[in-house]
C-alpha atoms as a PDB file:
ATOM      1  CA  GLY A   1      -1.557 -12.655   4.345  1.00  0.00           C
ATOM      2  CA  ARG A   2      -4.050 -15.067   5.976  1.00  0.00           C
ATOM      3  CA  HIS A   3      -4.484 -14.693   9.710  1.00  0.00           C
ATOM      4  CA  THR A   4      -6.729 -16.028  12.487  1.00  0.00           C
ATOM      5  CA  SER A   5     -10.051 -15.132  10.854  1.00  0.00           C
ATOM      6  CA  ILE A   6     -11.427 -13.880   7.555  1.00  0.00           C
ATOM      7  CA  THR A   7     -11.456 -10.243   8.744  1.00  0.00           C
ATOM      8  CA  ALA A   8      -8.360 -10.179  10.979  1.00  0.00           C
ATOM      9  CA  PRO A   9      -5.478  -8.169   9.500  1.00  0.00           C
ATOM     10  CA  SER A  10      -2.044  -9.728   9.260  1.00  0.00           C
ATOM     11  CA  ARG A  11       1.122  -7.731   9.973  1.00  0.00           C
ATOM     12  CA  GLY A  12       3.214 -10.240   8.058  1.00  0.00           C
ATOM     13  CA  GLY A  13       0.942 -10.221   5.027  1.00  0.00           C
ATOM     14  CA  GLN A  14       0.810  -6.446   4.930  1.00  0.00           C
ATOM     15  CA  ARG A  15       4.602  -6.181   5.291  1.00  0.00           C
ATOM     16  CA  ARG A  16       5.208  -8.650   2.448  1.00  0.00           C
ATOM     17  CA  THR A  17       2.735  -6.730   0.288  1.00  0.00           C
ATOM     18  CA  LEU A  18       4.513  -3.418   0.931  1.00  0.00           C
ATOM     19  CA  GLU A  19       7.991  -4.847   0.343  1.00  0.00           C
ATOM     20  CA  ARG A  20       6.955  -6.558  -2.906  1.00  0.00           C
ATOM     21  CA  ALA A  21       5.265  -3.407  -4.218  1.00  0.00           C
ATOM     22  CA  TYR A  22       8.360  -1.262  -3.684  1.00  0.00           C
ATOM     23  CA  ILE A  23      10.697  -3.866  -5.152  1.00  0.00           C
ATOM     24  CA  GLN A  24       8.504  -4.185  -8.254  1.00  0.00           C
ATOM     25  CA  ALA A  25       8.184  -0.398  -8.599  1.00  0.00           C
ATOM     26  CA  GLN A  26      11.938   0.037  -8.094  1.00  0.00           C
ATOM     27  CA  VAL A  27      11.205   2.777  -5.558  1.00  0.00           C
ATOM     28  CA  ARG A  28      12.235   2.995  -1.918  1.00  0.00           C
ATOM     29  CA  PRO A  29       9.338   3.282   0.555  1.00  0.00           C
ATOM     30  CA  SER A  30      11.009   6.364   2.053  1.00  0.00           C
ATOM     31  CA  ASP A  31      10.770   8.083  -1.371  1.00  0.00           C
ATOM     32  CA  CYS A  32       6.985   8.259  -0.874  1.00  0.00           C
ATOM     33  CA  ASP A  33       5.679  11.391   0.806  1.00  0.00           C
ATOM     34  CA  LEU A  34       2.007  10.386   0.846  1.00  0.00           C
ATOM     35  CA  PHE A  35       0.388   7.159   1.936  1.00  0.00           C
ATOM     36  CA  GLU A  36      -3.251   6.469   1.239  1.00  0.00           C
ATOM     37  CA  ALA A  37      -4.209   3.940   3.887  1.00  0.00           C
ATOM     38  CA  HIS A  38      -6.902   1.315   3.776  1.00  0.00           C
ATOM     39  CA  GLY A  39      -8.002   3.076   6.978  1.00  0.00           C
ATOM     40  CA  THR A  40     -11.388   1.646   7.850  1.00  0.00           C
ATOM     41  CA  GLY A  41     -11.482   3.150  11.316  1.00  0.00           C
ATOM     42  CA  THR A  42     -11.418  -0.239  13.046  1.00  0.00           C
ATOM     43  CA  ALA A  43      -9.572  -0.496  16.347  1.00  0.00           C
ATOM     44  CA  VAL A  44      -7.421  -3.430  15.258  1.00  0.00           C
ATOM     45  CA  GLY A  45      -6.999  -2.860  11.507  1.00  0.00           C
ATOM     46  CA  ASP A  46      -5.857   0.764  11.619  1.00  0.00           C
ATOM     47  CA  VAL A  47      -3.322   0.081  14.359  1.00  0.00           C
ATOM     48  CA  ILE A  48      -1.817  -2.880  12.504  1.00  0.00           C
ATOM     49  CA  GLU A  49      -1.693  -0.895   9.258  1.00  0.00           C
ATOM     50  CA  CYS A  50       0.007   2.099  10.915  1.00  0.00           C
ATOM     51  CA  GLU A  51       2.481  -0.105  12.808  1.00  0.00           C
ATOM     52  CA  THR A  52       3.385  -2.132   9.723  1.00  0.00           C
ATOM     53  CA  LEU A  53       3.766   0.830   7.398  1.00  0.00           C
ATOM     54  CA  GLY A  54       5.723   2.716  10.074  1.00  0.00           C
ATOM     55  CA  ALA A  55       8.072  -0.246  10.541  1.00  0.00           C
ATOM     56  CA  VAL A  56       8.738  -0.537   6.799  1.00  0.00           C
ATOM     57  CA  LEU A  57       9.431   3.201   6.580  1.00  0.00           C
ATOM     58  CA  ARG A  58      11.708   3.215   9.649  1.00  0.00           C
ATOM     59  CA  ALA A  59      13.668   0.263   8.238  1.00  0.00           C
ATOM     60  CA  ASP A  60      14.185   2.330   5.076  1.00  0.00           C
ATOM     61  CA  GLY A  61      15.440   5.355   7.016  1.00  0.00           C
ATOM     62  CA  ALA A  62      12.365   7.627   7.031  1.00  0.00           C
ATOM     63  CA  SER A  63      12.493  10.240   9.773  1.00  0.00           C
ATOM     64  CA  ARG A  64       9.839  10.819  12.420  1.00  0.00           C
ATOM     65  CA  GLY A  65       6.721  12.614  11.177  1.00  0.00           C
ATOM     66  CA  SER A  66       8.048  13.050   7.633  1.00  0.00           C
ATOM     67  CA  LYS A  67       5.329  11.130   5.745  1.00  0.00           C
ATOM     68  CA  SER A  68       1.697  12.159   5.246  1.00  0.00           C
ATOM     69  CA  LEU A  69      -1.002   9.593   5.920  1.00  0.00           C
ATOM     70  CA  GLY A  70      -4.629   9.778   4.874  1.00  0.00           C
ATOM     71  CA  SER A  71      -7.621   7.708   3.906  1.00  0.00           C
ATOM     72  CA  VAL A  72     -10.395   8.640   1.505  1.00  0.00           C
ATOM     73  CA  LYS A  73     -12.762   6.526   3.602  1.00  0.00           C
ATOM     74  CA  SER A  74     -12.840   9.258   6.256  1.00  0.00           C
ATOM     75  CA  MET A  75     -14.518  11.426   3.620  1.00  0.00           C
ATOM     76  CA  ILE A  76     -16.754   9.052   1.658  1.00  0.00           C
ATOM     77  CA  GLY A  77     -17.174   6.035   3.917  1.00  0.00           C
ATOM     78  CA  HIS A  78     -16.209   2.478   3.062  1.00  0.00           C
ATOM     79  CA  THR A  79     -17.229   1.831  -0.508  1.00  0.00           C
ATOM     80  CA  LYS A  80     -16.719  -1.948  -0.254  1.00  0.00           C
ATOM     81  CA  SER A  81     -15.017  -3.283  -3.388  1.00  0.00           C
ATOM     82  CA  ALA A  82     -14.482   0.247  -4.768  1.00  0.00           C
ATOM     83  CA  ALA A  83     -12.559   1.408  -1.675  1.00  0.00           C
ATOM     84  CA  GLY A  84      -9.125   0.680  -3.120  1.00  0.00           C
ATOM     85  CA  VAL A  85      -9.979   2.345  -6.416  1.00  0.00           C
ATOM     86  CA  ALA A  86     -11.211   5.458  -4.595  1.00  0.00           C
ATOM     87  CA  GLY A  87      -7.898   5.628  -2.714  1.00  0.00           C
ATOM     88  CA  LEU A  88      -5.951   5.124  -5.933  1.00  0.00           C
ATOM     89  CA  ILE A  89      -7.865   7.961  -7.620  1.00  0.00           C
ATOM     90  CA  LYS A  90      -7.227  10.250  -4.644  1.00  0.00           C
ATOM     91  CA  ALA A  91      -3.481   9.501  -4.669  1.00  0.00           C
ATOM     92  CA  ALA A  92      -3.207   9.904  -8.455  1.00  0.00           C
ATOM     93  CA  LEU A  93      -4.935  13.291  -8.297  1.00  0.00           C
ATOM     94  CA  ALA A  94      -2.679  14.376  -5.418  1.00  0.00           C
ATOM     95  CA  VAL A  95       0.443  13.450  -7.395  1.00  0.00           C
ATOM     96  CA  TYR A  96      -0.866  15.112 -10.568  1.00  0.00           C
ATOM     97  CA  HIS A  97      -1.940  18.368  -8.909  1.00  0.00           C
ATOM     98  CA  GLY A  98       0.979  18.566  -6.454  1.00  0.00           C
ATOM     99  CA  VAL A  99      -1.262  18.751  -3.398  1.00  0.00           C
ATOM    100  CA  LEU A 100      -1.132  16.772  -0.160  1.00  0.00           C
ATOM    101  CA  PRO A 101      -4.863  16.413   0.524  1.00  0.00           C
ATOM    102  CA  ALA A 102      -6.328  16.717   3.986  1.00  0.00           C
ATOM    103  CA  THR A 103      -8.018  13.743   5.571  1.00  0.00           C
ATOM    104  CA  LEU A 104     -11.191  14.818   7.309  1.00  0.00           C
ATOM    105  CA  HIS A 105     -12.559  13.796  10.708  1.00  0.00           C
ATOM    106  CA  VAL A 106      -9.227  13.069  12.408  1.00  0.00           C
ATOM    107  CA  GLU A 107      -9.509  15.374  15.400  1.00  0.00           C
ATOM    108  CA  LYS A 108      -8.081  12.786  17.819  1.00  0.00           C
ATOM    109  CA  PRO A 109      -5.937  10.129  16.116  1.00  0.00           C
ATOM    110  CA  ASN A 110      -5.918   6.720  17.765  1.00  0.00           C
ATOM    111  CA  PRO A 111      -3.024   6.844  20.288  1.00  0.00           C
ATOM    112  CA  LYS A 112      -2.383   3.131  19.684  1.00  0.00           C
ATOM    113  CA  CYS A 113      -1.228   3.989  16.140  1.00  0.00           C
ATOM    114  CA  GLY A 114       1.994   5.314  17.676  1.00  0.00           C
ATOM    115  CA  PHE A 115       2.242   8.545  15.678  1.00  0.00           C
ATOM    116  CA  ASP A 116       4.571  10.068  18.307  1.00  0.00           C
ATOM    117  CA  ASP A 117       7.454   7.845  17.134  1.00  0.00           C
ATOM    118  CA  SER A 118       6.297   7.053  13.618  1.00  0.00           C
ATOM    119  CA  PRO A 119       7.478   8.416  10.268  1.00  0.00           C
ATOM    120  CA  LEU A 120       3.743   8.858   9.574  1.00  0.00           C
ATOM    121  CA  HIS A 121       1.551  11.759  10.586  1.00  0.00           C
ATOM    122  CA  PRO A 122      -2.153  12.137   9.857  1.00  0.00           C
ATOM    123  CA  ASN A 123      -2.398  14.818   7.178  1.00  0.00           C
ATOM    124  CA  THR A 124      -5.238  16.987   8.452  1.00  0.00           C
ATOM    125  CA  GLN A 125      -4.580  20.088   6.334  1.00  0.00           C
ATOM    126  CA  THR A 126      -4.413  20.435   2.568  1.00  0.00           C
ATOM    127  CA  ARG A 127      -1.058  21.849   1.536  1.00  0.00           C
ATOM    128  CA  PRO A 128       1.183  22.152  -1.515  1.00  0.00           C
ATOM    129  CA  TRP A 129       3.311  19.120  -2.306  1.00  0.00           C
ATOM    130  CA  THR A 130       6.635  20.620  -3.234  1.00  0.00           C
ATOM    131  CA  LYS A 131       9.674  18.554  -4.112  1.00  0.00           C
ATOM    132  CA  THR A 132      13.247  19.803  -4.276  1.00  0.00           C
ATOM    133  CA  GLU A 133      14.473  16.505  -5.667  1.00  0.00           C
ATOM    134  CA  GLY A 134      12.918  13.330  -6.951  1.00  0.00           C
ATOM    135  CA  LEU A 135       9.399  12.720  -8.182  1.00  0.00           C
ATOM    136  CA  ARG A 136       6.147  12.981  -6.263  1.00  0.00           C
ATOM    137  CA  THR A 137       5.447   9.430  -5.127  1.00  0.00           C
ATOM    138  CA  ALA A 138       2.556   7.963  -3.158  1.00  0.00           C
ATOM    139  CA  GLY A 139       1.703   4.530  -1.797  1.00  0.00           C
ATOM    140  CA  VAL A 140      -1.871   3.207  -1.773  1.00  0.00           C
ATOM    141  CA  SER A 141      -3.051   0.259   0.330  1.00  0.00           C
ATOM    142  CA  ALA A 142      -6.187  -1.830  -0.039  1.00  0.00           C
ATOM    143  CA  PHE A 143      -6.602  -4.773   2.297  1.00  0.00           C
ATOM    144  CA  GLY A 144      -9.476  -7.189   1.947  1.00  0.00           C
ATOM    145  CA  PHE A 145     -11.029 -10.227   3.552  1.00  0.00           C
ATOM    146  CA  GLY A 146      -8.991 -13.326   4.243  1.00  0.00           C
ATOM    147  CA  GLY A 147      -5.562 -11.738   3.835  1.00  0.00           C
ATOM    148  CA  THR A 148      -6.023 -10.222   0.384  1.00  0.00           C
ATOM    149  CA  ASN A 149      -3.523  -7.369   0.400  1.00  0.00           C
ATOM    150  CA  PHE A 150      -2.701  -4.838  -2.307  1.00  0.00           C
ATOM    151  CA  HIS A 151      -0.333  -1.887  -2.336  1.00  0.00           C
ATOM    152  CA  ALA A 152       0.267   0.294  -5.383  1.00  0.00           C
ATOM    153  CA  VAL A 153       2.983   2.868  -5.940  1.00  0.00           C
ATOM    154  CA  VAL A 154       1.939   5.995  -7.852  1.00  0.00           C
ATOM    155  CA  GLN A 155       4.550   8.364  -9.221  1.00  0.00           C
ATOM    156  CA  GLU A 156       4.336  11.586 -11.172  1.00  0.00           C
ATOM    157  CA  TYR A 157       4.990  11.417 -14.880  1.00  0.00           C
ATOM    158  CA  GLN A 158       8.174  12.909 -16.222  1.00  0.00           C
ATOM    159  CA  ARG A 159       8.919  13.198 -19.925  1.00  0.00           C
ATOM    160  CA  ALA A 160      12.051  11.446 -21.123  1.00  0.00           C
ATOM    161  CA  SER A 161      13.474  14.811 -22.213  1.00  0.00           C
ATOM    162  CA  GLU A 162      13.032  16.088 -18.622  1.00  0.00           C
ATOM    163  CA  GLN A 163      14.833  13.076 -17.174  1.00  0.00           C
ATOM    164  CA  ASN A 164      18.081  13.779 -19.024  1.00  0.00           C
ATOM    165  CA  PRO A 165      18.767  17.428 -19.837  1.00  0.00           C
ATOM    166  CA  TRP A 166      21.737  16.398 -22.053  1.00  0.00           C
ATOM    167  CA  ARG A 167      19.621  14.292 -24.354  1.00  0.00           C
ATOM    168  CA  THR A 168      19.399  15.724 -27.848  1.00  0.00           C
ATOM    169  CA  ALA A 169      16.412  15.502 -30.129  1.00  0.00           C
ATOM    170  CA  SER A 170      16.911  13.287 -33.163  1.00  0.00           C
END
């Protein structure tokens, strides 16, 4: 994921990170309804993150405006090395409680993020996370200095007995 400087984000590195995470999790990116972005509020980084995530979702067939996007940093600030963990905790709690959490302080999203044509929309209101099929699934990004990129896939727990209603107890 290295790019032109230690702090410059890389589209290619972020895309590879996303693709690898979904392959390893055996989940399609379009199965995620919530994305917890690295979202530092920087003019370059947020745009590249939104463009890259939007491109991966479009390539997987996600429809316009169908995926919620947020960042815990808009609520607690950038917590340096704990930023990714804070985002992971937020996503895990959202999946567990079945709530799409609001992201605060997004009155005017950056127009360069391209939300008009993107599968992503800034989630500015807390609302129930209902699913008619599939499991609640979220993606969490944490991008660091020098091209260090992480993306985790979080999915709700389902007991084995719930996965197959025809399974009999032994």
